[in-house]
PDB file of N, CA and C in Angstrom:
ATOM      1  N   UNK A   1       0.838  -1.191   0.000  1.00  0.00           N
ATOM      2  CA  UNK A   1       0.000   0.000   0.000  1.00  0.00           C
ATOM      3  C   UNK A   1       0.878   1.247   0.000  1.00  0.00           C
ATOM      4  N   UNK A   2       0.459   2.217  -0.788  1.00  0.00           N
ATOM      5  CA  UNK A   2       1.173   3.477  -0.900  1.00  0.00           C
ATOM      6  C   UNK A   2       1.053   4.286   0.386  1.00  0.00           C
ATOM      7  N   UNK A   3       2.125   4.947   0.763  1.00  0.00           N
ATOM      8  CA  UNK A   3       2.067   5.892   1.870  1.00  0.00           C
ATOM      9  C   UNK A   3       1.673   7.255   1.311  1.00  0.00           C
ATOM     10  N   UNK A   4       1.344   8.179   2.189  1.00  0.00           N
ATOM     11  CA  UNK A   4       1.003   9.530   1.755  1.00  0.00           C
ATOM     12  C   UNK A   4       2.196  10.183   1.059  1.00  0.00           C
ATOM     13  N   UNK A   5       3.392   9.987   1.583  1.00  0.00           N
ATOM     14  CA  UNK A   5       4.583  10.558   0.937  1.00  0.00           C
ATOM     15  C   UNK A   5       4.777   9.993  -0.469  1.00  0.00           C
ATOM     16  N   UNK A   6       4.520   8.710  -0.648  1.00  0.00           N
ATOM     17  CA  UNK A   6       4.613   8.109  -1.985  1.00  0.00           C
ATOM     18  C   UNK A   6       3.532   8.654  -2.909  1.00  0.00           C
ATOM     19  N   UNK A   7       2.349   8.911  -2.368  1.00  0.00           N
ATOM     20  CA  UNK A   7       1.274   9.506  -3.171  1.00  0.00           C
ATOM     21  C   UNK A   7       1.646  10.925  -3.583  1.00  0.00           C
ATOM     22  N   UNK A   8       2.249  11.671  -2.670  1.00  0.00           N
ATOM     23  CA  UNK A   8       2.707  13.029  -3.008  1.00  0.00           C
ATOM     24  C   UNK A   8       3.719  12.967  -4.154  1.00  0.00           C
ATOM     25  N   UNK A   9       4.656  12.053  -4.064  1.00  0.00           N
ATOM     26  CA  UNK A   9       5.677  11.914  -5.119  1.00  0.00           C
ATOM     27  C   UNK A   9       5.032  11.508  -6.448  1.00  0.00           C
ATOM     28  N   UNK A  10       4.058  10.614  -6.405  1.00  0.00           N
ATOM     29  CA  UNK A  10       3.360  10.194  -7.625  1.00  0.00           C
ATOM     30  C   UNK A  10       2.616  11.371  -8.242  1.00  0.00           C
ATOM     31  N   UNK A  11       1.974  12.180  -7.423  1.00  0.00           N
ATOM     32  CA  UNK A  11       1.270  13.364  -7.912  1.00  0.00           C
ATOM     33  C   UNK A  11       2.265  14.341  -8.551  1.00  0.00           C
ATOM     34  N   UNK A  12       3.386  14.586  -7.890  1.00  0.00           N
ATOM     35  CA  UNK A  12       4.402  15.501  -8.424  1.00  0.00           C
ATOM     36  C   UNK A  12       4.938  15.009  -9.766  1.00  0.00           C
ATOM     37  N   UNK A  13       5.210  13.711  -9.862  1.00  0.00           N
ATOM     38  CA  UNK A  13       5.697  13.153 -11.138  1.00  0.00           C
ATOM     39  C   UNK A  13       4.649  13.315 -12.229  1.00  0.00           C
ATOM     40  N   UNK A  14       3.404  13.033 -11.887  1.00  0.00           N
ATOM     41  CA  UNK A  14       2.323  13.166 -12.865  1.00  0.00           C
ATOM     42  C   UNK A  14       2.194  14.616 -13.328  1.00  0.00           C
ATOM     43  N   UNK A  15       2.192  15.550 -12.391  1.00  0.00           N
ATOM     44  CA  UNK A  15       2.033  16.969 -12.728  1.00  0.00           C
ATOM     45  C   UNK A  15       3.197  17.485 -13.569  1.00  0.00           C
ATOM     46  N   UNK A  16       4.377  16.938 -13.377  1.00  0.00           N
ATOM     47  CA  UNK A  16       5.531  17.336 -14.190  1.00  0.00           C
ATOM     48  C   UNK A  16       5.406  16.780 -15.608  1.00  0.00           C
ATOM     49  N   UNK A  17       4.855  15.601 -15.716  1.00  0.00           N
ATOM     50  CA  UNK A  17       4.720  14.916 -17.009  1.00  0.00           C
ATOM     51  C   UNK A  17       3.481  15.372 -17.774  1.00  0.00           C
ATOM     52  N   UNK A  18       2.386  15.575 -17.056  1.00  0.00           N
ATOM     53  CA  UNK A  18       1.087  15.949 -17.636  1.00  0.00           C
ATOM     54  C   UNK A  18       0.592  17.204 -16.913  1.00  0.00           C
ATOM     55  N   UNK A  19       1.057  18.375 -17.315  1.00  0.00           N
ATOM     56  CA  UNK A  19       0.681  19.598 -16.583  1.00  0.00           C
ATOM     57  C   UNK A  19      -0.827  19.719 -16.373  1.00  0.00           C
ATOM     58  N   UNK A  20      -1.190  20.124 -15.173  1.00  0.00           N
ATOM     59  CA  UNK A  20      -2.586  20.197 -14.752  1.00  0.00           C
ATOM     60  C   UNK A  20      -3.206  21.566 -15.050  1.00  0.00           C
ATOM     61  N   UNK A  21      -2.969  22.112 -16.162  1.00  0.00           N
ATOM     62  CA  UNK A  21      -3.585  23.347 -16.650  1.00  0.00           C
ATOM     63  C   UNK A  21      -4.211  24.208 -15.559  1.00  0.00           C
ATOM     64  N   UNK A  22      -3.373  24.715 -14.715  1.00  0.00           N
ATOM     65  CA  UNK A  22      -3.825  25.620 -13.662  1.00  0.00           C
ATOM     66  C   UNK A  22      -3.105  26.947 -13.862  1.00  0.00           C
ATOM     67  N   UNK A  23      -3.872  28.036 -13.816  1.00  0.00           N
ATOM     68  CA  UNK A  23      -3.239  29.343 -13.893  1.00  0.00           C
ATOM     69  C   UNK A  23      -2.598  29.622 -12.548  1.00  0.00           C
ATOM     70  N   UNK A  24      -1.410  30.147 -12.566  1.00  0.00           N
ATOM     71  CA  UNK A  24      -0.701  30.413 -11.321  1.00  0.00           C
ATOM     72  C   UNK A  24       0.226  29.264 -10.975  1.00  0.00           C
ATOM     73  N   UNK A  25       0.575  29.188  -9.719  1.00  0.00           N
ATOM     74  CA  UNK A  25       1.530  28.208  -9.219  1.00  0.00           C
ATOM     75  C   UNK A  25       0.792  27.003  -8.654  1.00  0.00           C
ATOM     76  N   UNK A  26       1.083  25.807  -9.170  1.00  0.00           N
ATOM     77  CA  UNK A  26       0.417  24.594  -8.682  1.00  0.00           C
ATOM     78  C   UNK A  26       0.673  24.426  -7.186  1.00  0.00           C
ATOM     79  N   UNK A  27      -0.389  24.141  -6.465  1.00  0.00           N
ATOM     80  CA  UNK A  27      -0.333  24.046  -5.008  1.00  0.00           C
ATOM     81  C   UNK A  27      -1.315  22.971  -4.547  1.00  0.00           C
ATOM     82  N   UNK A  28      -0.896  22.159  -3.598  1.00  0.00           N
ATOM     83  CA  UNK A  28      -1.793  21.172  -2.989  1.00  0.00           C
ATOM     84  C   UNK A  28      -2.141  21.674  -1.595  1.00  0.00           C
ATOM     85  N   UNK A  29      -3.424  21.940  -1.403  1.00  0.00           N
ATOM     86  CA  UNK A  29      -3.886  22.492  -0.128  1.00  0.00           C
ATOM     87  C   UNK A  29      -3.989  21.434   0.960  1.00  0.00           C
ATOM     88  N   UNK A  30      -4.530  20.260   0.589  1.00  0.00           N
ATOM     89  CA  UNK A  30      -4.709  19.193   1.574  1.00  0.00           C
ATOM     90  C   UNK A  30      -4.911  17.870   0.860  1.00  0.00           C
ATOM     91  N   UNK A  31      -4.870  16.810   1.635  1.00  0.00           N
ATOM     92  CA  UNK A  31      -5.016  15.443   1.116  1.00  0.00           C
ATOM     93  C   UNK A  31      -6.132  14.721   1.844  1.00  0.00           C
ATOM     94  N   UNK A  32      -6.838  13.869   1.080  1.00  0.00           N
ATOM     95  CA  UNK A  32      -7.885  13.008   1.618  1.00  0.00           C
ATOM     96  C   UNK A  32      -7.600  11.572   1.193  1.00  0.00           C
ATOM     97  N   UNK A  33      -8.261  10.631   1.861  1.00  0.00           N
ATOM     98  CA  UNK A  33      -8.092   9.229   1.500  1.00  0.00           C
ATOM     99  C   UNK A  33      -9.348   8.437   1.803  1.00  0.00           C
ATOM    100  N   UNK A  34      -9.431   7.291   1.124  1.00  0.00           N
ATOM    101  CA  UNK A  34     -10.381   6.240   1.493  1.00  0.00           C
ATOM    102  C   UNK A  34      -9.603   4.939   1.396  1.00  0.00           C
ATOM    103  N   UNK A  35     -10.274   3.814   1.400  1.00  0.00           N
ATOM    104  CA  UNK A  35      -9.570   2.531   1.387  1.00  0.00           C
ATOM    105  C   UNK A  35      -8.761   2.297   0.121  1.00  0.00           C
ATOM    106  N   UNK A  36      -9.162   2.923  -0.985  1.00  0.00           N
ATOM    107  CA  UNK A  36      -8.504   2.616  -2.259  1.00  0.00           C
ATOM    108  C   UNK A  36      -7.661   3.734  -2.848  1.00  0.00           C
ATOM    109  N   UNK A  37      -7.913   4.990  -2.479  1.00  0.00           N
ATOM    110  CA  UNK A  37      -7.242   6.112  -3.146  1.00  0.00           C
ATOM    111  C   UNK A  37      -6.846   7.227  -2.192  1.00  0.00           C
ATOM    112  N   UNK A  38      -5.854   8.003  -2.639  1.00  0.00           N
ATOM    113  CA  UNK A  38      -5.561   9.310  -2.055  1.00  0.00           C
ATOM    114  C   UNK A  38      -6.128  10.357  -3.002  1.00  0.00           C
ATOM    115  N   UNK A  39      -6.497  11.515  -2.455  1.00  0.00           N
ATOM    116  CA  UNK A  39      -7.053  12.613  -3.232  1.00  0.00           C
ATOM    117  C   UNK A  39      -6.393  13.916  -2.801  1.00  0.00           C
ATOM    118  N   UNK A  40      -5.560  14.514  -3.654  1.00  0.00           N
ATOM    119  CA  UNK A  40      -5.031  15.837  -3.336  1.00  0.00           C
ATOM    120  C   UNK A  40      -6.041  16.915  -3.739  1.00  0.00           C
ATOM    121  N   UNK A  41      -6.196  17.918  -2.898  1.00  0.00           N
ATOM    122  CA  UNK A  41      -7.002  19.091  -3.248  1.00  0.00           C
ATOM    123  C   UNK A  41      -6.013  20.112  -3.785  1.00  0.00           C
ATOM    124  N   UNK A  42      -6.078  20.366  -5.084  1.00  0.00           N
ATOM    125  CA  UNK A  42      -5.052  21.155  -5.754  1.00  0.00           C
ATOM    126  C   UNK A  42      -5.645  22.326  -6.521  1.00  0.00           C
ATOM    127  N   UNK A  43      -4.797  23.269  -6.782  1.00  0.00           N
ATOM    128  CA  UNK A  43      -5.181  24.449  -7.545  1.00  0.00           C
ATOM    129  C   UNK A  43      -4.031  25.426  -7.539  1.00  0.00           C
ATOM    130  N   UNK A  44      -4.325  26.691  -7.647  1.00  0.00           N
ATOM    131  CA  UNK A  44      -3.290  27.725  -7.679  1.00  0.00           C
ATOM    132  C   UNK A  44      -2.984  28.219  -6.268  1.00  0.00           C
ATOM    133  N   UNK A  45      -1.709  28.352  -5.994  1.00  0.00           N
ATOM    134  CA  UNK A  45      -1.280  28.927  -4.713  1.00  0.00           C
ATOM    135  C   UNK A  45      -1.875  30.327  -4.530  1.00  0.00           C
ATOM    136  N   UNK A  46      -1.981  31.040  -5.628  1.00  0.00           N
ATOM    137  CA  UNK A  46      -2.524  32.398  -5.578  1.00  0.00           C
ATOM    138  C   UNK A  46      -3.969  32.401  -5.075  1.00  0.00           C
ATOM    139  N   UNK A  47      -4.692  31.330  -5.335  1.00  0.00           N
ATOM    140  CA  UNK A  47      -6.066  31.197  -4.838  1.00  0.00           C
ATOM    141  C   UNK A  47      -6.082  30.779  -3.378  1.00  0.00           C
ATOM    142  N   UNK A  48      -5.403  29.673  -3.064  1.00  0.00           N
ATOM    143  CA  UNK A  48      -5.468  29.113  -1.718  1.00  0.00           C
ATOM    144  C   UNK A  48      -4.727  29.928  -0.660  1.00  0.00           C
ATOM    145  N   UNK A  49      -3.585  30.489  -1.010  1.00  0.00           N
ATOM    146  CA  UNK A  49      -2.768  31.206  -0.027  1.00  0.00           C
ATOM    147  C   UNK A  49      -3.040  32.712  -0.070  1.00  0.00           C
ATOM    148  N   UNK A  50      -3.065  33.274  -1.284  1.00  0.00           N
ATOM    149  CA  UNK A  50      -3.220  34.722  -1.430  1.00  0.00           C
ATOM    150  C   UNK A  50      -4.680  35.164  -1.508  1.00  0.00           C
ATOM    151  N   UNK A  51      -5.608  34.189  -1.573  1.00  0.00           N
ATOM    152  CA  UNK A  51      -7.045  34.464  -1.622  1.00  0.00           C
ATOM    153  C   UNK A  51      -7.446  35.305  -2.840  1.00  0.00           C
ATOM    154  N   UNK A  52      -6.757  35.098  -3.956  1.00  0.00           N
ATOM    155  CA  UNK A  52      -7.064  35.799  -5.208  1.00  0.00           C
ATOM    156  C   UNK A  52      -8.027  34.931  -6.014  1.00  0.00           C
ATOM    157  N   UNK A  53      -9.288  35.278  -6.003  1.00  0.00           N
ATOM    158  CA  UNK A  53     -10.324  34.452  -6.622  1.00  0.00           C
ATOM    159  C   UNK A  53     -10.265  34.433  -8.141  1.00  0.00           C
ATOM    160  N   UNK A  54      -9.451  35.276  -8.734  1.00  0.00           N
ATOM    161  CA  UNK A  54      -9.292  35.209 -10.192  1.00  0.00           C
ATOM    162  C   UNK A  54      -8.529  33.938 -10.600  1.00  0.00           C
ATOM    163  N   UNK A  55      -7.940  33.244  -9.613  1.00  0.00           N
ATOM    164  CA  UNK A  55      -7.216  31.996  -9.872  1.00  0.00           C
ATOM    165  C   UNK A  55      -8.042  30.755  -9.526  1.00  0.00           C
ATOM    166  N   UNK A  56      -9.323  30.919  -9.264  1.00  0.00           N
ATOM    167  CA  UNK A  56     -10.176  29.777  -8.926  1.00  0.00           C
ATOM    168  C   UNK A  56     -10.264  28.812 -10.105  1.00  0.00           C
ATOM    169  N   UNK A  57     -10.335  27.529  -9.793  1.00  0.00           N
ATOM    170  CA  UNK A  57     -10.502  26.494 -10.823  1.00  0.00           C
ATOM    171  C   UNK A  57     -11.977  26.257 -11.069  1.00  0.00           C
ATOM    172  N   UNK A  58     -12.319  26.021 -12.333  1.00  0.00           N
ATOM    173  CA  UNK A  58     -13.707  25.740 -12.702  1.00  0.00           C
ATOM    174  C   UNK A  58     -13.805  24.457 -13.507  1.00  0.00           C
ATOM    175  N   UNK A  59     -12.735  23.685 -13.567  1.00  0.00           N
ATOM    176  CA  UNK A  59     -12.694  22.525 -14.462  1.00  0.00           C
ATOM    177  C   UNK A  59     -13.345  21.269 -13.889  1.00  0.00           C
ATOM    178  N   UNK A  60     -13.615  21.228 -12.609  1.00  0.00           N
ATOM    179  CA  UNK A  60     -14.276  20.100 -11.950  1.00  0.00           C
ATOM    180  C   UNK A  60     -13.499  18.784 -12.050  1.00  0.00           C
ATOM    181  N   UNK A  61     -12.189  18.862 -12.190  1.00  0.00           N
ATOM    182  CA  UNK A  61     -11.375  17.647 -12.239  1.00  0.00           C
ATOM    183  C   UNK A  61     -10.865  17.301 -10.849  1.00  0.00           C
ATOM    184  N   UNK A  62     -10.773  16.011 -10.584  1.00  0.00           N
ATOM    185  CA  UNK A  62     -10.143  15.502  -9.373  1.00  0.00           C
ATOM    186  C   UNK A  62      -9.060  14.514  -9.805  1.00  0.00           C
ATOM    187  N   UNK A  63      -8.071  14.384  -8.959  1.00  0.00           N
ATOM    188  CA  UNK A  63      -6.972  13.458  -9.218  1.00  0.00           C
ATOM    189  C   UNK A  63      -6.988  12.418  -8.104  1.00  0.00           C
ATOM    190  N   UNK A  64      -7.063  11.163  -8.492  1.00  0.00           N
ATOM    191  CA  UNK A  64      -6.982  10.063  -7.534  1.00  0.00           C
ATOM    192  C   UNK A  64      -5.654   9.351  -7.728  1.00  0.00           C
ATOM    193  N   UNK A  65      -5.022   8.948  -6.625  1.00  0.00           N
ATOM    194  CA  UNK A  65      -3.813   8.136  -6.666  1.00  0.00           C
ATOM    195  C   UNK A  65      -4.159   6.809  -6.006  1.00  0.00           C
ATOM    196  N   UNK A  66      -4.117   5.745  -6.790  1.00  0.00           N
ATOM    197  CA  UNK A  66      -4.470   4.414  -6.314  1.00  0.00           C
ATOM    198  C   UNK A  66      -3.464   3.953  -5.262  1.00  0.00           C
ATOM    199  N   UNK A  67      -3.951   3.554  -4.102  1.00  0.00           N
ATOM    200  CA  UNK A  67      -3.080   3.139  -3.004  1.00  0.00           C
ATOM    201  C   UNK A  67      -2.349   1.831  -3.273  1.00  0.00           C
ATOM    202  N   UNK A  68      -2.894   0.987  -4.129  1.00  0.00           N
ATOM    203  CA  UNK A  68      -2.269  -0.310  -4.392  1.00  0.00           C
ATOM    204  C   UNK A  68      -1.222  -0.234  -5.498  1.00  0.00           C
ATOM    205  N   UNK A  69      -1.532   0.530  -6.553  1.00  0.00           N
ATOM    206  CA  UNK A  69      -0.667   0.534  -7.736  1.00  0.00           C
ATOM    207  C   UNK A  69       0.127   1.817  -7.929  1.00  0.00           C
ATOM    208  N   UNK A  70      -0.300   2.905  -7.291  1.00  0.00           N
ATOM    209  CA  UNK A  70       0.338   4.196  -7.504  1.00  0.00           C
ATOM    210  C   UNK A  70      -0.129   4.893  -8.778  1.00  0.00           C
ATOM    211  N   UNK A  71      -1.091   4.263  -9.484  1.00  0.00           N
ATOM    212  CA  UNK A  71      -1.610   4.861 -10.713  1.00  0.00           C
ATOM    213  C   UNK A  71      -2.323   6.171 -10.381  1.00  0.00           C
ATOM    214  N   UNK A  72      -2.052   7.182 -11.211  1.00  0.00           N
ATOM    215  CA  UNK A  72      -2.708   8.479 -11.072  1.00  0.00           C
ATOM    216  C   UNK A  72      -3.760   8.574 -12.165  1.00  0.00           C
ATOM    217  N   UNK A  73      -4.972   8.935 -11.764  1.00  0.00           N
ATOM    218  CA  UNK A  73      -6.021   9.096 -12.763  1.00  0.00           C
ATOM    219  C   UNK A  73      -6.785  10.386 -12.504  1.00  0.00           C
ATOM    220  N   UNK A  74      -7.156  11.030 -13.589  1.00  0.00           N
ATOM    221  CA  UNK A  74      -7.907  12.275 -13.520  1.00  0.00           C
ATOM    222  C   UNK A  74      -9.347  11.968 -13.909  1.00  0.00           C
ATOM    223  N   UNK A  75     -10.268  12.373 -13.064  1.00  0.00           N
ATOM    224  CA  UNK A  75     -11.686  12.105 -13.272  1.00  0.00           C
ATOM    225  C   UNK A  75     -12.463  13.417 -13.120  1.00  0.00           C
ATOM    226  N   UNK A  76     -13.729  13.391 -13.475  1.00  0.00           N
ATOM    227  CA  UNK A  76     -14.593  14.546 -13.261  1.00  0.00           C
ATOM    228  C   UNK A  76     -15.277  14.438 -11.901  1.00  0.00           C
ATOM    229  N   UNK A  77     -15.221  15.491 -11.134  1.00  0.00           N
ATOM    230  CA  UNK A  77     -15.781  15.524  -9.778  1.00  0.00           C
ATOM    231  C   UNK A  77     -17.249  15.105  -9.731  1.00  0.00           C
ATOM    232  N   UNK A  78     -18.113  15.604 -10.624  1.00  0.00           N
ATOM    233  CA  UNK A  78     -19.525  15.220 -10.501  1.00  0.00           C
ATOM    234  C   UNK A  78     -19.769  13.710 -10.563  1.00  0.00           C
ATOM    235  N   UNK A  79     -18.881  12.975 -11.216  1.00  0.00           N
ATOM    236  CA  UNK A  79     -19.025  11.525 -11.301  1.00  0.00           C
ATOM    237  C   UNK A  79     -18.620  10.820 -10.013  1.00  0.00           C
ATOM    238  N   UNK A  80     -18.012  11.549  -9.073  1.00  0.00           N
ATOM    239  CA  UNK A  80     -17.459  10.928  -7.866  1.00  0.00           C
ATOM    240  C   UNK A  80     -17.828  11.679  -6.588  1.00  0.00           C
ATOM    241  N   UNK A  81     -18.961  12.355  -6.585  1.00  0.00           N
ATOM    242  CA  UNK A  81     -19.348  13.142  -5.413  1.00  0.00           C
ATOM    243  C   UNK A  81     -19.510  12.292  -4.158  1.00  0.00           C
ATOM    244  N   UNK A  82     -20.109  11.130  -4.275  1.00  0.00           N
ATOM    245  CA  UNK A  82     -20.285  10.275  -3.095  1.00  0.00           C
ATOM    246  C   UNK A  82     -18.926   9.816  -2.561  1.00  0.00           C
ATOM    247  N   UNK A  83     -18.038   9.429  -3.462  1.00  0.00           N
ATOM    248  CA  UNK A  83     -16.706   8.966  -3.058  1.00  0.00           C
ATOM    249  C   UNK A  83     -15.932  10.080  -2.368  1.00  0.00           C
ATOM    250  N   UNK A  84     -15.830  11.242  -3.012  1.00  0.00           N
ATOM    251  CA  UNK A  84     -15.033  12.329  -2.440  1.00  0.00           C
ATOM    252  C   UNK A  84     -15.648  12.842  -1.144  1.00  0.00           C
ATOM    253  N   UNK A  85     -16.960  12.842  -1.071  1.00  0.00           N
ATOM    254  CA  UNK A  85     -17.636  13.286   0.150  1.00  0.00           C
ATOM    255  C   UNK A  85     -17.408  12.371   1.340  1.00  0.00           C
ATOM    256  N   UNK A  86     -17.113  11.116   1.073  1.00  0.00           N
ATOM    257  CA  UNK A  86     -16.898  10.136   2.150  1.00  0.00           C
ATOM    258  C   UNK A  86     -15.428   9.999   2.542  1.00  0.00           C
ATOM    259  N   UNK A  87     -14.537  10.658   1.810  1.00  0.00           N
ATOM    260  CA  UNK A  87     -13.104  10.523   2.096  1.00  0.00           C
ATOM    261  C   UNK A  87     -12.738  11.281   3.376  1.00  0.00           C
ATOM    262  N   UNK A  88     -11.653  10.859   3.997  1.00  0.00           N
ATOM    263  CA  UNK A  88     -11.175  11.438   5.248  1.00  0.00           C
ATOM    264  C   UNK A  88      -9.931  12.285   5.009  1.00  0.00           C
ATOM    265  N   UNK A  89      -9.894  13.445   5.612  1.00  0.00           N
ATOM    266  CA  UNK A  89      -8.719  14.310   5.488  1.00  0.00           C
ATOM    267  C   UNK A  89      -7.551  13.702   6.253  1.00  0.00           C
ATOM    268  N   UNK A  90      -6.400  13.646   5.579  1.00  0.00           N
ATOM    269  CA  UNK A  90      -5.216  13.057   6.212  1.00  0.00           C
ATOM    270  C   UNK A  90      -4.079  14.049   6.400  1.00  0.00           C
ATOM    271  N   UNK A  91      -4.076  15.135   5.636  1.00  0.00           N
ATOM    272  CA  UNK A  91      -2.966  16.070   5.757  1.00  0.00           C
ATOM    273  C   UNK A  91      -3.317  17.400   5.140  1.00  0.00           C
ATOM    274  N   UNK A  92      -2.779  18.452   5.723  1.00  0.00           N
ATOM    275  CA  UNK A  92      -2.883  19.782   5.128  1.00  0.00           C
ATOM    276  C   UNK A  92      -1.476  20.268   4.810  1.00  0.00           C
ATOM    277  N   UNK A  93      -1.320  20.851   3.656  1.00  0.00           N
ATOM    278  CA  UNK A  93      -0.031  21.398   3.257  1.00  0.00           C
ATOM    279  C   UNK A  93       0.178  22.760   3.887  1.00  0.00           C
ATOM    280  N   UNK A  94      -0.880  23.547   3.921  1.00  0.00           N
ATOM    281  CA  UNK A  94      -0.769  24.926   4.400  1.00  0.00           C
ATOM    282  C   UNK A  94      -0.857  24.988   5.899  1.00  0.00           C
TER     283      UNK A  94
END
């Protein structure tokens, strides 16, 4: 099973390879998990830290990191509302 640090590294590798089209500086605000996946809450540092709402994301994408395989997958949030709503917060970056 992947640790949170391994999930962070997998997310960083993915974001370097497949840029996550975010205006501003990529920032992970916090992490959530369930039995099968980790979920980083990500967006622009300018939004989360500087409170500049012009950097808000509207794409409705979520990134899941599979705890067993380390696979990173990008999905649409509306398709996973029950899953994301049931996840537990495990870490805050800020």
